[in-house]
N, C-alpha and C. Protein backbone atom coordinates (compact mmCIF):
# COMPACT_ATOMS: atom_id res chain seq x y z
N UNK A 1 -14.02 6.25 17.34
CA UNK A 1 -12.58 6.16 17.60
C UNK A 1 -12.24 5.08 18.64
N UNK A 2 -13.14 4.12 18.85
CA UNK A 2 -12.87 3.03 19.78
C UNK A 2 -11.63 2.23 19.38
N UNK A 3 -11.44 2.05 18.06
CA UNK A 3 -10.28 1.30 17.60
C UNK A 3 -9.00 2.04 17.98
N UNK A 4 -8.98 3.35 17.79
CA UNK A 4 -7.83 4.15 18.17
C UNK A 4 -7.53 4.07 19.65
N UNK A 5 -8.59 4.08 20.46
CA UNK A 5 -8.40 3.97 21.91
C UNK A 5 -7.87 2.60 22.30
N UNK A 6 -8.35 1.56 21.63
CA UNK A 6 -7.82 0.21 21.90
C UNK A 6 -6.36 0.11 21.47
N UNK A 7 -6.01 0.72 20.34
CA UNK A 7 -4.62 0.74 19.92
C UNK A 7 -3.75 1.41 20.98
N UNK A 8 -4.26 2.50 21.53
CA UNK A 8 -3.51 3.23 22.55
C UNK A 8 -3.29 2.35 23.78
N UNK A 9 -4.33 1.61 24.16
CA UNK A 9 -4.22 0.74 25.33
C UNK A 9 -3.23 -0.40 25.12
N UNK A 10 -3.11 -0.86 23.86
CA UNK A 10 -2.25 -1.99 23.55
C UNK A 10 -0.87 -1.57 23.06
N UNK A 11 -0.63 -0.26 22.95
CA UNK A 11 0.66 0.21 22.49
C UNK A 11 0.89 0.03 21.00
N UNK A 12 -0.18 0.06 20.22
CA UNK A 12 -0.09 -0.09 18.76
C UNK A 12 -0.21 1.28 18.12
N UNK A 13 0.68 1.60 17.20
CA UNK A 13 0.67 2.91 16.56
C UNK A 13 -0.04 2.93 15.21
N UNK A 14 0.16 1.86 14.40
CA UNK A 14 -0.47 1.78 13.09
C UNK A 14 -1.38 0.57 13.02
N UNK A 15 -2.61 0.79 12.60
CA UNK A 15 -3.59 -0.27 12.38
C UNK A 15 -3.52 -0.66 10.91
N UNK A 16 -3.29 -1.93 10.62
CA UNK A 16 -3.17 -2.38 9.23
C UNK A 16 -4.55 -2.60 8.63
N UNK A 17 -5.30 -1.54 8.53
CA UNK A 17 -6.67 -1.52 8.05
C UNK A 17 -7.06 -0.04 7.95
N UNK A 18 -8.16 0.28 7.29
CA UNK A 18 -9.16 -0.62 6.71
C UNK A 18 -8.78 -1.15 5.33
N UNK A 19 -9.20 -2.39 5.06
CA UNK A 19 -9.13 -2.93 3.72
C UNK A 19 -10.29 -2.36 2.92
N UNK A 20 -10.02 -1.92 1.72
CA UNK A 20 -11.07 -1.21 0.98
C UNK A 20 -11.08 -1.54 -0.51
N UNK A 21 -10.61 -2.73 -0.86
CA UNK A 21 -10.67 -3.11 -2.27
C UNK A 21 -12.11 -3.34 -2.71
N UNK A 22 -12.33 -3.25 -4.00
CA UNK A 22 -13.66 -3.38 -4.57
C UNK A 22 -14.09 -4.86 -4.59
N UNK A 23 -15.30 -5.11 -4.15
CA UNK A 23 -15.86 -6.46 -4.20
C UNK A 23 -16.33 -6.75 -5.62
N UNK A 24 -15.64 -7.65 -6.30
CA UNK A 24 -15.96 -7.94 -7.71
C UNK A 24 -16.69 -9.26 -7.89
N UNK A 25 -16.51 -10.18 -6.94
CA UNK A 25 -17.07 -11.52 -7.08
C UNK A 25 -17.55 -11.96 -5.71
N UNK A 26 -18.77 -12.53 -5.62
CA UNK A 26 -19.27 -12.95 -4.31
C UNK A 26 -18.43 -14.01 -3.63
N UNK A 27 -17.55 -14.66 -4.38
CA UNK A 27 -16.68 -15.69 -3.82
C UNK A 27 -15.32 -15.12 -3.42
N UNK A 28 -15.14 -13.82 -3.49
CA UNK A 28 -13.87 -13.20 -3.14
C UNK A 28 -13.45 -13.58 -1.72
N UNK A 29 -12.21 -14.02 -1.57
CA UNK A 29 -11.75 -14.58 -0.30
C UNK A 29 -11.69 -13.60 0.85
N UNK A 30 -11.66 -12.29 0.56
CA UNK A 30 -11.59 -11.31 1.65
C UNK A 30 -12.69 -10.26 1.54
N UNK A 31 -13.78 -10.63 0.91
CA UNK A 31 -14.91 -9.69 0.80
C UNK A 31 -15.40 -9.22 2.16
N UNK A 32 -15.26 -10.08 3.17
CA UNK A 32 -15.73 -9.72 4.51
C UNK A 32 -14.97 -8.53 5.08
N UNK A 33 -13.75 -8.28 4.57
CA UNK A 33 -12.96 -7.13 5.03
C UNK A 33 -13.32 -5.85 4.31
N UNK A 34 -13.84 -5.98 3.11
CA UNK A 34 -14.05 -4.82 2.26
C UNK A 34 -15.48 -4.31 2.42
N UNK A 35 -15.78 -3.19 1.77
CA UNK A 35 -17.05 -2.51 2.03
C UNK A 35 -18.11 -2.75 0.96
N UNK A 36 -17.73 -2.69 -0.31
CA UNK A 36 -18.76 -2.62 -1.33
C UNK A 36 -18.17 -2.85 -2.71
N UNK A 37 -19.06 -3.04 -3.67
CA UNK A 37 -18.66 -3.03 -5.07
C UNK A 37 -18.68 -1.61 -5.64
N UNK A 38 -19.08 -0.66 -4.81
CA UNK A 38 -19.20 0.73 -5.24
C UNK A 38 -18.02 1.55 -4.72
N UNK A 39 -17.26 2.22 -5.58
CA UNK A 39 -16.07 2.95 -5.13
C UNK A 39 -16.38 4.14 -4.22
N UNK A 40 -17.49 4.83 -4.46
CA UNK A 40 -17.82 5.97 -3.62
C UNK A 40 -18.16 5.52 -2.20
N UNK A 41 -18.99 4.48 -2.09
CA UNK A 41 -19.36 3.97 -0.77
C UNK A 41 -18.13 3.43 -0.04
N UNK A 42 -17.26 2.73 -0.76
CA UNK A 42 -16.04 2.21 -0.15
C UNK A 42 -15.16 3.34 0.36
N UNK A 43 -15.03 4.39 -0.45
CA UNK A 43 -14.22 5.53 -0.04
C UNK A 43 -14.79 6.25 1.16
N UNK A 44 -16.12 6.43 1.18
CA UNK A 44 -16.79 7.09 2.30
C UNK A 44 -16.58 6.31 3.60
N UNK A 45 -16.78 5.00 3.54
CA UNK A 45 -16.64 4.17 4.74
C UNK A 45 -15.20 4.18 5.24
N UNK A 46 -14.24 4.01 4.33
CA UNK A 46 -12.83 3.98 4.73
C UNK A 46 -12.39 5.32 5.30
N UNK A 47 -12.86 6.41 4.70
CA UNK A 47 -12.49 7.74 5.21
C UNK A 47 -13.05 7.97 6.60
N UNK A 48 -14.28 7.53 6.84
CA UNK A 48 -14.89 7.72 8.16
C UNK A 48 -14.14 6.92 9.23
N UNK A 49 -13.78 5.68 8.92
CA UNK A 49 -13.04 4.85 9.86
C UNK A 49 -11.66 5.44 10.12
N UNK A 50 -11.00 5.90 9.07
CA UNK A 50 -9.67 6.49 9.21
C UNK A 50 -9.71 7.73 10.10
N UNK A 51 -10.69 8.59 9.89
CA UNK A 51 -10.81 9.78 10.74
C UNK A 51 -11.03 9.40 12.19
N UNK A 52 -11.84 8.38 12.41
CA UNK A 52 -12.10 7.95 13.78
C UNK A 52 -10.85 7.44 14.48
N UNK A 53 -10.10 6.59 13.79
CA UNK A 53 -8.85 6.05 14.38
C UNK A 53 -7.87 7.18 14.67
N UNK A 54 -7.71 8.08 13.72
CA UNK A 54 -6.68 9.11 13.83
C UNK A 54 -7.11 10.30 14.68
N UNK A 55 -8.33 10.23 15.20
CA UNK A 55 -8.75 11.23 16.17
C UNK A 55 -8.00 11.03 17.50
N UNK A 56 -7.52 9.81 17.72
CA UNK A 56 -6.70 9.53 18.90
C UNK A 56 -5.27 9.94 18.59
N UNK A 57 -4.68 10.84 19.35
CA UNK A 57 -3.34 11.36 19.04
C UNK A 57 -2.29 10.26 18.89
N UNK A 58 -1.52 10.35 17.82
CA UNK A 58 -0.42 9.43 17.61
C UNK A 58 -0.80 8.09 17.02
N UNK A 59 -2.08 7.91 16.65
CA UNK A 59 -2.52 6.64 16.08
C UNK A 59 -2.90 6.83 14.61
N UNK A 60 -2.58 5.82 13.81
CA UNK A 60 -2.83 5.96 12.38
C UNK A 60 -3.42 4.72 11.75
N UNK A 61 -4.12 4.93 10.64
CA UNK A 61 -4.68 3.85 9.85
C UNK A 61 -3.78 3.59 8.64
N UNK A 62 -3.82 2.35 8.15
CA UNK A 62 -3.08 1.95 6.96
C UNK A 62 -4.07 1.43 5.94
N UNK A 63 -4.52 2.26 5.02
CA UNK A 63 -5.50 1.82 4.04
C UNK A 63 -4.84 0.85 3.05
N UNK A 64 -5.60 -0.16 2.60
CA UNK A 64 -5.01 -1.19 1.75
C UNK A 64 -6.09 -1.84 0.88
N UNK A 65 -5.67 -2.55 -0.17
CA UNK A 65 -4.35 -2.74 -0.75
C UNK A 65 -4.37 -2.05 -2.12
N UNK A 66 -3.47 -1.12 -2.34
CA UNK A 66 -3.42 -0.35 -3.58
C UNK A 66 -2.61 -1.10 -4.62
N UNK A 67 -3.19 -1.55 -5.69
CA UNK A 67 -4.57 -1.39 -6.13
C UNK A 67 -4.94 -2.59 -6.99
N UNK A 68 -6.25 -2.66 -7.33
CA UNK A 68 -6.79 -3.75 -8.16
C UNK A 68 -6.49 -5.11 -7.56
N UNK A 69 -6.54 -5.18 -6.23
CA UNK A 69 -6.31 -6.43 -5.51
C UNK A 69 -7.67 -7.07 -5.23
N UNK A 70 -8.16 -7.83 -6.19
CA UNK A 70 -9.55 -8.26 -6.13
C UNK A 70 -9.73 -9.77 -6.12
N UNK A 71 -8.67 -10.52 -5.86
CA UNK A 71 -8.80 -11.97 -5.72
C UNK A 71 -7.76 -12.47 -4.75
N UNK A 72 -8.07 -13.60 -4.11
CA UNK A 72 -7.12 -14.21 -3.19
C UNK A 72 -6.30 -15.31 -3.87
N UNK A 73 -6.92 -16.06 -4.77
CA UNK A 73 -6.21 -17.12 -5.47
C UNK A 73 -5.07 -16.53 -6.28
N UNK A 74 -3.86 -17.02 -6.04
CA UNK A 74 -2.68 -16.57 -6.77
C UNK A 74 -2.49 -15.06 -6.67
N UNK A 75 -2.84 -14.48 -5.53
CA UNK A 75 -2.82 -13.01 -5.44
C UNK A 75 -1.41 -12.43 -5.52
N UNK A 76 -0.38 -13.21 -5.19
CA UNK A 76 0.99 -12.70 -5.26
C UNK A 76 1.48 -12.55 -6.70
N UNK A 77 0.88 -13.27 -7.63
CA UNK A 77 1.37 -13.27 -9.01
C UNK A 77 0.28 -12.93 -10.01
N UNK A 78 -0.90 -12.56 -9.53
CA UNK A 78 -1.97 -12.19 -10.44
C UNK A 78 -1.64 -10.89 -11.17
N UNK A 79 -1.85 -10.87 -12.46
CA UNK A 79 -1.62 -9.67 -13.27
C UNK A 79 -2.98 -9.10 -13.67
N UNK A 80 -3.34 -8.00 -13.07
CA UNK A 80 -4.65 -7.38 -13.32
C UNK A 80 -4.56 -6.47 -14.54
N UNK A 81 -5.14 -6.91 -15.65
CA UNK A 81 -5.18 -6.06 -16.83
C UNK A 81 -6.40 -5.16 -16.75
N UNK A 82 -6.18 -3.86 -16.78
CA UNK A 82 -7.29 -2.92 -16.60
C UNK A 82 -6.99 -1.64 -17.35
N UNK A 83 -8.00 -1.06 -17.98
CA UNK A 83 -7.81 0.20 -18.70
C UNK A 83 -7.62 1.34 -17.71
N UNK A 84 -7.02 2.43 -18.16
CA UNK A 84 -6.83 3.57 -17.26
C UNK A 84 -8.17 4.14 -16.80
N UNK A 85 -9.16 4.15 -17.67
CA UNK A 85 -10.47 4.67 -17.28
C UNK A 85 -11.08 3.82 -16.17
N UNK A 86 -11.09 2.50 -16.34
CA UNK A 86 -11.65 1.62 -15.30
C UNK A 86 -10.84 1.73 -14.02
N UNK A 87 -9.53 1.81 -14.15
CA UNK A 87 -8.67 1.91 -12.97
C UNK A 87 -9.01 3.17 -12.18
N UNK A 88 -9.12 4.29 -12.87
CA UNK A 88 -9.36 5.55 -12.18
C UNK A 88 -10.81 5.69 -11.69
N UNK A 89 -11.77 5.19 -12.43
CA UNK A 89 -13.17 5.37 -12.06
C UNK A 89 -13.66 4.35 -11.05
N UNK A 90 -13.00 3.20 -10.96
CA UNK A 90 -13.46 2.14 -10.05
C UNK A 90 -12.42 1.80 -8.99
N UNK A 91 -11.25 1.33 -9.42
CA UNK A 91 -10.31 0.72 -8.48
C UNK A 91 -9.45 1.73 -7.72
N UNK A 92 -9.24 2.91 -8.28
CA UNK A 92 -8.49 3.94 -7.58
C UNK A 92 -9.37 4.97 -6.90
N UNK A 93 -10.61 5.11 -7.37
CA UNK A 93 -11.46 6.20 -6.90
C UNK A 93 -11.69 6.13 -5.39
N UNK A 94 -11.91 4.94 -4.85
CA UNK A 94 -12.15 4.82 -3.41
C UNK A 94 -10.91 5.25 -2.62
N UNK A 95 -9.73 4.87 -3.10
CA UNK A 95 -8.50 5.28 -2.42
C UNK A 95 -8.29 6.79 -2.53
N UNK A 96 -8.56 7.34 -3.68
CA UNK A 96 -8.42 8.78 -3.87
C UNK A 96 -9.31 9.54 -2.89
N UNK A 97 -10.55 9.10 -2.77
CA UNK A 97 -11.48 9.78 -1.86
C UNK A 97 -10.98 9.70 -0.43
N UNK A 98 -10.54 8.53 -0.01
CA UNK A 98 -10.08 8.35 1.37
C UNK A 98 -8.83 9.19 1.65
N UNK A 99 -7.89 9.20 0.72
CA UNK A 99 -6.66 9.99 0.91
C UNK A 99 -6.98 11.47 1.02
N UNK A 100 -7.82 11.96 0.13
CA UNK A 100 -8.14 13.39 0.12
C UNK A 100 -8.97 13.81 1.34
N UNK A 101 -9.87 12.93 1.79
CA UNK A 101 -10.81 13.30 2.84
C UNK A 101 -10.30 13.05 4.25
N UNK A 102 -9.44 12.04 4.43
CA UNK A 102 -9.08 11.66 5.81
C UNK A 102 -7.58 11.65 6.09
N UNK A 103 -6.74 11.84 5.08
CA UNK A 103 -5.30 11.92 5.27
C UNK A 103 -4.73 10.77 6.11
N UNK A 104 -4.88 9.53 5.66
CA UNK A 104 -4.34 8.40 6.43
C UNK A 104 -2.83 8.50 6.59
N UNK A 105 -2.34 8.01 7.72
CA UNK A 105 -0.91 8.08 7.99
C UNK A 105 -0.11 7.09 7.14
N UNK A 106 -0.76 6.02 6.71
CA UNK A 106 -0.02 5.00 5.96
C UNK A 106 -0.93 4.32 4.94
N UNK A 107 -0.28 3.65 4.00
CA UNK A 107 -0.98 2.92 2.93
C UNK A 107 -0.17 1.68 2.60
N UNK A 108 -0.85 0.59 2.29
CA UNK A 108 -0.18 -0.66 1.91
C UNK A 108 -0.42 -0.94 0.43
N UNK A 109 0.68 -1.18 -0.29
CA UNK A 109 0.55 -1.58 -1.69
C UNK A 109 0.20 -3.06 -1.77
N UNK A 110 -0.29 -3.47 -2.92
CA UNK A 110 -0.79 -4.84 -3.07
C UNK A 110 0.26 -5.77 -3.68
N UNK A 111 0.01 -7.08 -3.57
CA UNK A 111 0.90 -8.09 -4.14
C UNK A 111 0.87 -8.10 -5.67
N UNK A 112 -0.30 -7.91 -6.22
CA UNK A 112 -0.52 -8.19 -7.64
C UNK A 112 0.20 -7.22 -8.57
N UNK A 113 0.30 -7.63 -9.82
CA UNK A 113 0.78 -6.75 -10.87
C UNK A 113 -0.41 -6.01 -11.47
N UNK A 114 -0.16 -4.82 -11.99
CA UNK A 114 -1.17 -4.06 -12.71
C UNK A 114 -0.60 -3.78 -14.10
N UNK A 115 -1.22 -4.40 -15.10
CA UNK A 115 -0.74 -4.26 -16.48
C UNK A 115 0.75 -4.56 -16.59
N UNK A 116 1.18 -5.63 -15.91
CA UNK A 116 2.54 -6.13 -16.05
C UNK A 116 3.56 -5.55 -15.09
N UNK A 117 3.14 -4.66 -14.19
CA UNK A 117 4.07 -4.05 -13.23
C UNK A 117 3.57 -4.34 -11.81
N UNK A 118 4.44 -4.86 -10.96
CA UNK A 118 4.06 -5.08 -9.57
C UNK A 118 3.61 -3.76 -8.95
N UNK A 119 2.51 -3.78 -8.23
CA UNK A 119 1.99 -2.55 -7.62
C UNK A 119 3.03 -1.88 -6.74
N UNK A 120 3.80 -2.66 -6.02
CA UNK A 120 4.83 -2.10 -5.13
C UNK A 120 6.01 -1.50 -5.88
N UNK A 121 6.10 -1.80 -7.18
CA UNK A 121 7.19 -1.28 -8.02
C UNK A 121 6.71 -0.23 -9.01
N UNK A 122 5.48 0.21 -8.86
CA UNK A 122 4.84 1.08 -9.85
C UNK A 122 5.00 2.55 -9.47
N UNK A 123 5.97 3.22 -10.07
CA UNK A 123 6.24 4.63 -9.78
C UNK A 123 5.06 5.51 -10.16
N UNK A 124 4.41 5.21 -11.27
CA UNK A 124 3.26 6.00 -11.68
C UNK A 124 2.15 5.94 -10.64
N UNK A 125 1.96 4.75 -10.06
CA UNK A 125 0.89 4.56 -9.07
C UNK A 125 1.26 5.20 -7.73
N UNK A 126 2.44 4.90 -7.22
CA UNK A 126 2.80 5.27 -5.84
C UNK A 126 3.38 6.67 -5.70
N UNK A 127 3.86 7.22 -6.78
CA UNK A 127 4.42 8.58 -6.71
C UNK A 127 3.61 9.56 -7.56
N UNK A 128 3.49 9.29 -8.86
CA UNK A 128 2.81 10.23 -9.74
C UNK A 128 1.35 10.44 -9.35
N UNK A 129 0.64 9.34 -9.06
CA UNK A 129 -0.78 9.45 -8.72
C UNK A 129 -0.98 9.68 -7.23
N UNK A 130 -0.49 8.76 -6.41
CA UNK A 130 -0.76 8.80 -4.96
C UNK A 130 -0.23 10.09 -4.32
N UNK A 131 1.01 10.42 -4.57
CA UNK A 131 1.60 11.59 -3.91
C UNK A 131 1.40 12.89 -4.70
N UNK A 132 1.72 12.85 -5.99
CA UNK A 132 1.70 14.10 -6.75
C UNK A 132 0.28 14.56 -7.10
N UNK A 133 -0.61 13.62 -7.42
CA UNK A 133 -1.99 14.00 -7.75
C UNK A 133 -2.86 14.14 -6.51
N UNK A 134 -2.81 13.15 -5.62
CA UNK A 134 -3.73 13.12 -4.49
C UNK A 134 -3.19 13.82 -3.25
N UNK A 135 -1.91 14.09 -3.21
CA UNK A 135 -1.33 14.78 -2.07
C UNK A 135 -1.09 13.92 -0.85
N UNK A 136 -0.92 12.61 -1.05
CA UNK A 136 -0.65 11.72 0.08
C UNK A 136 0.68 12.08 0.73
N UNK A 137 0.69 12.20 2.06
CA UNK A 137 1.90 12.60 2.78
C UNK A 137 2.38 11.54 3.77
N UNK A 138 1.73 10.39 3.79
CA UNK A 138 2.09 9.35 4.74
C UNK A 138 3.17 8.43 4.20
N UNK A 139 3.27 7.26 4.82
CA UNK A 139 4.25 6.25 4.42
C UNK A 139 3.56 5.12 3.66
N UNK A 140 4.26 4.58 2.69
CA UNK A 140 3.76 3.44 1.91
C UNK A 140 4.57 2.21 2.29
N UNK A 141 3.89 1.12 2.57
CA UNK A 141 4.56 -0.15 2.88
C UNK A 141 4.08 -1.25 1.94
N UNK A 142 4.92 -2.28 1.78
CA UNK A 142 4.50 -3.44 0.99
C UNK A 142 3.59 -4.33 1.83
N UNK A 143 2.88 -5.19 1.15
CA UNK A 143 2.20 -6.28 1.84
C UNK A 143 3.28 -7.26 2.32
N UNK A 144 2.92 -8.12 3.26
CA UNK A 144 3.91 -8.97 3.93
C UNK A 144 4.54 -9.96 2.96
N UNK A 145 5.87 -9.92 2.91
CA UNK A 145 6.61 -10.88 2.11
C UNK A 145 6.52 -10.66 0.61
N UNK A 146 6.15 -9.46 0.18
CA UNK A 146 5.98 -9.22 -1.26
C UNK A 146 7.26 -9.46 -2.04
N UNK A 147 8.41 -9.13 -1.45
CA UNK A 147 9.67 -9.29 -2.17
C UNK A 147 10.22 -10.71 -2.10
N UNK A 148 9.64 -11.54 -1.24
CA UNK A 148 10.10 -12.93 -1.13
C UNK A 148 9.06 -13.90 -1.66
N UNK A 149 7.85 -13.39 -1.93
CA UNK A 149 6.74 -14.16 -2.48
C UNK A 149 6.21 -15.24 -1.55
N UNK A 150 6.71 -15.28 -0.30
CA UNK A 150 6.19 -16.22 0.70
C UNK A 150 5.98 -17.61 0.14
N UNK A 151 7.05 -18.21 -0.32
CA UNK A 151 6.92 -19.56 -0.85
C UNK A 151 7.59 -19.71 -2.20
N UNK A 152 8.13 -18.61 -2.70
CA UNK A 152 8.88 -18.70 -3.94
C UNK A 152 8.04 -18.48 -5.17
N UNK A 153 8.73 -18.27 -6.29
CA UNK A 153 8.05 -17.98 -7.55
C UNK A 153 8.25 -19.08 -8.58
N UNK A 154 8.67 -20.25 -8.12
CA UNK A 154 8.91 -21.36 -9.04
C UNK A 154 7.64 -21.71 -9.80
N UNK A 155 7.76 -21.77 -11.12
CA UNK A 155 6.62 -22.13 -11.94
C UNK A 155 5.69 -20.97 -12.24
N UNK A 156 5.99 -19.78 -11.71
CA UNK A 156 5.14 -18.63 -11.95
C UNK A 156 5.62 -17.84 -13.16
N UNK A 157 4.68 -17.27 -13.89
CA UNK A 157 5.02 -16.48 -15.06
C UNK A 157 5.77 -15.21 -14.66
N UNK A 158 5.36 -14.62 -13.53
CA UNK A 158 5.96 -13.37 -13.08
C UNK A 158 6.79 -13.63 -11.83
N UNK A 159 7.89 -12.93 -11.71
CA UNK A 159 8.74 -13.08 -10.55
C UNK A 159 8.24 -12.28 -9.37
N UNK A 160 9.07 -12.19 -8.34
CA UNK A 160 8.71 -11.47 -7.13
C UNK A 160 8.87 -9.97 -7.32
N UNK A 161 8.26 -9.23 -6.43
CA UNK A 161 8.46 -7.79 -6.37
C UNK A 161 9.93 -7.49 -6.10
N UNK A 162 10.48 -6.49 -6.79
CA UNK A 162 11.88 -6.11 -6.63
C UNK A 162 12.06 -5.16 -5.46
N UNK A 163 13.00 -5.45 -4.58
CA UNK A 163 13.26 -4.58 -3.43
C UNK A 163 13.73 -3.20 -3.87
N UNK A 164 14.67 -3.17 -4.81
CA UNK A 164 15.20 -1.88 -5.28
C UNK A 164 14.13 -1.07 -5.99
N UNK A 165 13.30 -1.74 -6.79
CA UNK A 165 12.24 -1.02 -7.50
C UNK A 165 11.17 -0.52 -6.55
N UNK A 166 10.99 -1.17 -5.41
CA UNK A 166 10.09 -0.65 -4.38
C UNK A 166 10.53 0.75 -3.97
N UNK A 167 11.82 0.91 -3.71
CA UNK A 167 12.36 2.20 -3.29
C UNK A 167 12.22 3.22 -4.40
N UNK A 168 12.56 2.83 -5.62
CA UNK A 168 12.46 3.74 -6.77
C UNK A 168 11.01 4.21 -6.96
N UNK A 169 10.07 3.30 -6.76
CA UNK A 169 8.66 3.63 -6.99
C UNK A 169 8.07 4.53 -5.92
N UNK A 170 8.70 4.55 -4.74
CA UNK A 170 8.14 5.31 -3.63
C UNK A 170 7.45 4.44 -2.61
N UNK A 171 7.78 3.16 -2.62
CA UNK A 171 7.29 2.23 -1.60
C UNK A 171 8.31 2.27 -0.46
N UNK A 172 8.00 3.02 0.59
CA UNK A 172 8.99 3.41 1.59
C UNK A 172 9.48 2.28 2.48
N UNK A 173 8.61 1.32 2.75
CA UNK A 173 8.91 0.31 3.78
C UNK A 173 8.61 -1.08 3.23
N UNK A 174 9.60 -1.96 3.26
CA UNK A 174 9.42 -3.34 2.83
C UNK A 174 9.14 -4.19 4.06
N UNK A 175 8.01 -4.86 4.06
CA UNK A 175 7.59 -5.63 5.24
C UNK A 175 7.63 -7.12 4.95
N UNK A 176 8.14 -7.93 5.88
CA UNK A 176 8.78 -7.50 7.12
C UNK A 176 10.23 -7.10 6.95
N UNK A 177 10.76 -7.25 5.74
CA UNK A 177 12.15 -6.90 5.46
C UNK A 177 13.10 -8.04 5.77
N UNK A 178 14.20 -8.08 5.05
CA UNK A 178 15.18 -9.16 5.24
C UNK A 178 16.55 -8.67 4.81
N UNK A 179 17.57 -9.43 5.14
CA UNK A 179 18.92 -9.09 4.69
C UNK A 179 19.00 -9.12 3.17
N UNK A 180 18.23 -10.02 2.56
CA UNK A 180 18.20 -10.10 1.10
C UNK A 180 17.71 -8.78 0.50
N UNK A 181 16.69 -8.19 1.11
CA UNK A 181 16.20 -6.89 0.63
C UNK A 181 17.29 -5.83 0.75
N UNK A 182 17.97 -5.81 1.89
CA UNK A 182 19.04 -4.83 2.11
C UNK A 182 20.14 -5.01 1.07
N UNK A 183 20.54 -6.24 0.84
CA UNK A 183 21.62 -6.51 -0.11
C UNK A 183 21.23 -6.06 -1.53
N UNK A 184 19.98 -6.32 -1.93
CA UNK A 184 19.54 -5.93 -3.27
C UNK A 184 19.50 -4.42 -3.42
N UNK A 185 19.05 -3.72 -2.38
CA UNK A 185 19.00 -2.25 -2.43
C UNK A 185 20.41 -1.67 -2.51
N UNK A 186 21.32 -2.18 -1.69
CA UNK A 186 22.70 -1.69 -1.71
C UNK A 186 23.38 -1.99 -3.06
N UNK A 187 23.09 -3.15 -3.63
CA UNK A 187 23.66 -3.49 -4.94
C UNK A 187 23.13 -2.55 -6.02
N UNK A 188 21.86 -2.21 -5.95
CA UNK A 188 21.28 -1.29 -6.93
C UNK A 188 21.85 0.12 -6.78
N UNK A 189 22.12 0.53 -5.55
CA UNK A 189 22.78 1.81 -5.33
C UNK A 189 24.19 1.80 -5.92
N UNK A 190 24.89 0.69 -5.73
CA UNK A 190 26.27 0.59 -6.20
C UNK A 190 26.36 0.60 -7.72
N UNK A 191 25.41 -0.05 -8.41
CA UNK A 191 25.49 -0.09 -9.88
C UNK A 191 24.75 1.06 -10.56
N UNK A 192 24.14 1.94 -9.76
CA UNK A 192 23.51 3.13 -10.31
C UNK A 192 22.09 2.96 -10.78
N UNK A 193 21.52 1.76 -10.64
CA UNK A 193 20.14 1.56 -11.08
C UNK A 193 19.13 2.13 -10.09
N UNK A 194 19.59 2.45 -8.88
CA UNK A 194 18.77 3.11 -7.87
C UNK A 194 19.51 4.34 -7.38
N UNK A 195 18.82 5.47 -7.34
CA UNK A 195 19.48 6.70 -6.91
C UNK A 195 19.46 6.84 -5.40
N UNK A 196 20.48 7.50 -4.88
CA UNK A 196 20.51 7.78 -3.45
C UNK A 196 19.34 8.68 -3.05
N UNK A 197 18.96 9.58 -3.94
CA UNK A 197 17.84 10.47 -3.67
C UNK A 197 16.54 9.73 -3.42
N UNK A 198 16.30 8.66 -4.19
CA UNK A 198 15.07 7.87 -4.00
C UNK A 198 15.07 7.23 -2.62
N UNK A 199 16.23 6.70 -2.21
CA UNK A 199 16.33 6.09 -0.88
C UNK A 199 16.14 7.13 0.21
N UNK A 200 16.69 8.30 0.01
CA UNK A 200 16.55 9.37 1.00
C UNK A 200 15.10 9.84 1.11
N UNK A 201 14.39 9.89 -0.02
CA UNK A 201 12.97 10.27 0.03
C UNK A 201 12.16 9.28 0.85
N UNK A 202 12.42 8.00 0.66
CA UNK A 202 11.70 6.98 1.43
C UNK A 202 12.03 7.10 2.92
N UNK A 203 13.30 7.32 3.23
CA UNK A 203 13.70 7.49 4.62
C UNK A 203 13.02 8.70 5.24
N UNK A 204 12.94 9.80 4.48
CA UNK A 204 12.29 11.01 4.98
C UNK A 204 10.82 10.77 5.25
N UNK A 205 10.15 10.02 4.38
CA UNK A 205 8.73 9.71 4.60
C UNK A 205 8.52 8.93 5.89
N UNK A 206 9.43 7.99 6.17
CA UNK A 206 9.32 7.19 7.39
C UNK A 206 9.63 8.04 8.63
N UNK A 207 10.58 8.94 8.52
CA UNK A 207 10.89 9.82 9.65
C UNK A 207 9.71 10.74 9.96
N UNK A 208 9.05 11.25 8.91
CA UNK A 208 7.87 12.09 9.13
C UNK A 208 6.76 11.30 9.81
N UNK A 209 6.61 10.03 9.42
CA UNK A 209 5.62 9.17 10.07
C UNK A 209 5.94 9.00 11.54
N UNK A 210 7.20 8.75 11.86
CA UNK A 210 7.60 8.57 13.25
C UNK A 210 7.32 9.83 14.09
N UNK A 211 7.55 10.98 13.50
CA UNK A 211 7.25 12.23 14.20
C UNK A 211 5.75 12.35 14.47
N UNK A 212 4.94 11.99 13.47
CA UNK A 212 3.49 12.12 13.63
C UNK A 212 2.93 11.17 14.68
N UNK A 213 3.45 9.95 14.75
CA UNK A 213 2.90 9.01 15.72
C UNK A 213 3.49 9.21 17.10
N UNK A 214 4.52 10.06 17.20
CA UNK A 214 5.09 10.34 18.52
C UNK A 214 4.54 11.62 19.13
N UNK A 215 3.71 12.35 18.36
CA UNK A 215 3.14 13.60 18.89
C UNK A 215 2.20 13.33 20.05
């Protein structure tokens, strides 16, 4: 729990780690952050680190990046085509183990698309699986600049992550957030494409997080 103690000394509440994506290629740009090509080993390591950090009162880990985030090149617009069996047995299994075993306070969704849907906009992933199946009770945040694409989407086959669809999917917090995100969410509420209930659920998840880190 040394990391948790250092967070306490520095006034940090959430650690944006551990990264626990599967190592698929020895040239992967962030392999040094991840644990293994094996989902069980990755889940065990991430769960142990999360428990250590959260042993310090009011400190939390943010496991990342859910899911199938296995390359750095074009990672904001990469579309990961994967079968449900491979997704559940390899790319989700490590996250499932960590969520069930260590109850992380937060989770970060990934930039990439999964079978044509941005991970941050994927209701099946962030609500049906993460919350309803695995029992995740923390807050979900986007990766940095996911809705702005950090440089634009000109010339890309796929556009940016949708701010309103983030809320619909159960992605509670858009990082770092902008007035553009606020305007898109309010517009979706006004035209009925986003329900007030979805926004309230995200707000409730963030309020519960604030209560937990203030204990």
